[in-house]
Amino acid sequence: MTNYPECDKLSLYGSERRNIVEFIEWLCENGHGIYDRVESRYEVHPGVEPTRKSRESLVLQFLGVDEKELEKERRRILDAQREANGEE
C-alpha cells in the first residue's frame, strides 16, 4: 500500500470496474436506465427519475472509493511527479 489509499483501492478493482462499466453501457445501449428514488410532497409513494450521477461516479461509489479523495490523491501524484521532473 502507498500513501494513496483511494488510488490503491481503485487499482485492486481493475477488472471488476471494467465489467461494471461495460454492464452500465450495455444497459444504456439497450434502452434501460439507472434511476434515483425521489420523494414527492404530492404522492404517497416516492417516484423515480433518471440519475444525474456519471457512470464513473456510480462505479466508484459501488466500489467504495471516495471520489473527492481520489481526485486529491491524483493531484498529489501529479504534483510529486512535476516536482521530481523539476517543473513548477
Protein backbone atom coordinates (compact mmCIF):
# COMPACT_ATOMS: atom_id res chain seq x y z
CA MET A 1 0.00 0.00 0.00
CA THR A 2 1.05 3.56 -0.66
CA ASN A 3 0.15 6.98 0.67
CA TYR A 4 -2.69 6.95 -1.85
CA PRO A 5 -5.35 4.63 -0.36
CA GLU A 6 -8.15 5.56 -2.77
CA CYS A 7 -5.88 5.01 -5.79
CA ASP A 8 -4.82 1.69 -4.25
CA LYS A 9 -8.46 0.64 -3.83
CA LEU A 10 -9.22 1.56 -7.41
CA SER A 11 -6.26 -0.41 -8.73
CA LEU A 12 -7.43 -3.52 -6.84
CA TYR A 13 -10.74 -3.46 -8.72
CA GLY A 14 -9.42 -3.10 -12.28
CA SER A 15 -11.27 -5.98 -13.95
CA GLU A 16 -14.38 -5.61 -11.80
CA ARG A 17 -14.52 -1.92 -12.67
CA ARG A 18 -14.30 -2.66 -16.40
CA ASN A 19 -17.08 -5.25 -16.11
CA ILE A 20 -19.35 -2.85 -14.25
CA VAL A 21 -18.75 -0.06 -16.78
CA GLU A 22 -19.45 -2.46 -19.65
CA PHE A 23 -22.70 -3.53 -17.98
CA ILE A 24 -23.82 0.07 -17.48
CA GLU A 25 -23.01 0.81 -21.12
CA TRP A 26 -24.99 -2.26 -22.18
CA LEU A 27 -27.96 -1.07 -20.12
CA CYS A 28 -27.91 2.33 -21.78
CA GLU A 29 -27.42 0.94 -25.30
CA ASN A 30 -30.39 -1.37 -24.83
CA GLY A 31 -32.87 1.25 -23.67
CA HIS A 32 -32.50 0.69 -19.94
CA GLY A 33 -31.52 3.27 -17.41
CA ILE A 34 -30.40 3.87 -13.87
CA TYR A 35 -32.78 5.85 -11.72
CA ASP A 36 -32.76 7.62 -8.38
CA ARG A 37 -35.64 7.35 -5.98
CA VAL A 38 -37.12 10.77 -5.27
CA GLU A 39 -39.55 11.88 -2.64
CA SER A 40 -42.60 13.82 -3.69
CA ARG A 41 -44.74 16.06 -1.50
CA TYR A 42 -47.75 15.20 -3.60
CA GLU A 43 -47.50 11.43 -3.74
CA VAL A 44 -47.78 8.84 -1.03
CA HIS A 45 -45.02 6.77 -2.65
CA PRO A 46 -41.68 8.03 -3.86
CA GLY A 47 -41.11 8.31 -7.57
CA VAL A 48 -38.05 7.83 -9.71
CA GLU A 49 -36.09 9.95 -12.13
CA PRO A 50 -33.03 9.27 -14.25
CA THR A 51 -29.88 9.57 -12.17
CA ARG A 52 -27.73 12.64 -12.63
CA LYS A 53 -24.63 10.82 -11.44
CA SER A 54 -22.00 9.96 -14.01
CA ARG A 55 -21.25 6.34 -14.78
CA GLU A 56 -17.82 6.79 -13.23
CA SER A 57 -19.33 8.19 -10.01
CA LEU A 58 -21.72 5.26 -9.76
CA VAL A 59 -18.92 2.73 -10.21
CA LEU A 60 -16.65 4.45 -7.69
CA GLN A 61 -19.49 4.61 -5.17
CA PHE A 62 -20.19 0.89 -5.67
CA LEU A 63 -16.50 0.04 -5.18
CA GLY A 64 -16.29 2.16 -2.03
CA VAL A 65 -13.83 4.65 -3.49
CA ASP A 66 -14.21 8.23 -2.29
CA GLU A 67 -14.31 10.27 -5.49
CA LYS A 68 -13.19 13.54 -3.89
CA GLU A 69 -10.29 11.90 -2.08
CA LEU A 70 -9.32 10.06 -5.26
CA GLU A 71 -9.08 13.37 -7.12
CA LYS A 72 -6.97 14.87 -4.32
CA GLU A 73 -4.63 11.88 -4.44
CA ARG A 74 -4.31 12.12 -8.22
CA ARG A 75 -3.40 15.79 -7.93
CA ARG A 76 -0.80 14.97 -5.26
CA ILE A 77 0.69 12.31 -7.53
CA LEU A 78 0.88 14.79 -10.42
CA ASP A 79 2.42 17.44 -8.17
CA ALA A 80 5.02 14.96 -6.92
CA GLN A 81 5.83 13.92 -10.48
CA ARG A 82 6.19 17.55 -11.59
CA GLU A 83 8.46 18.23 -8.63
CA ALA A 84 10.56 15.17 -9.45
CA ASN A 85 10.87 16.44 -13.03
CA GLY A 86 11.93 19.89 -11.82
CA GLU A 87 8.75 21.53 -13.09
CA GLU A 88 6.76 24.12 -11.20
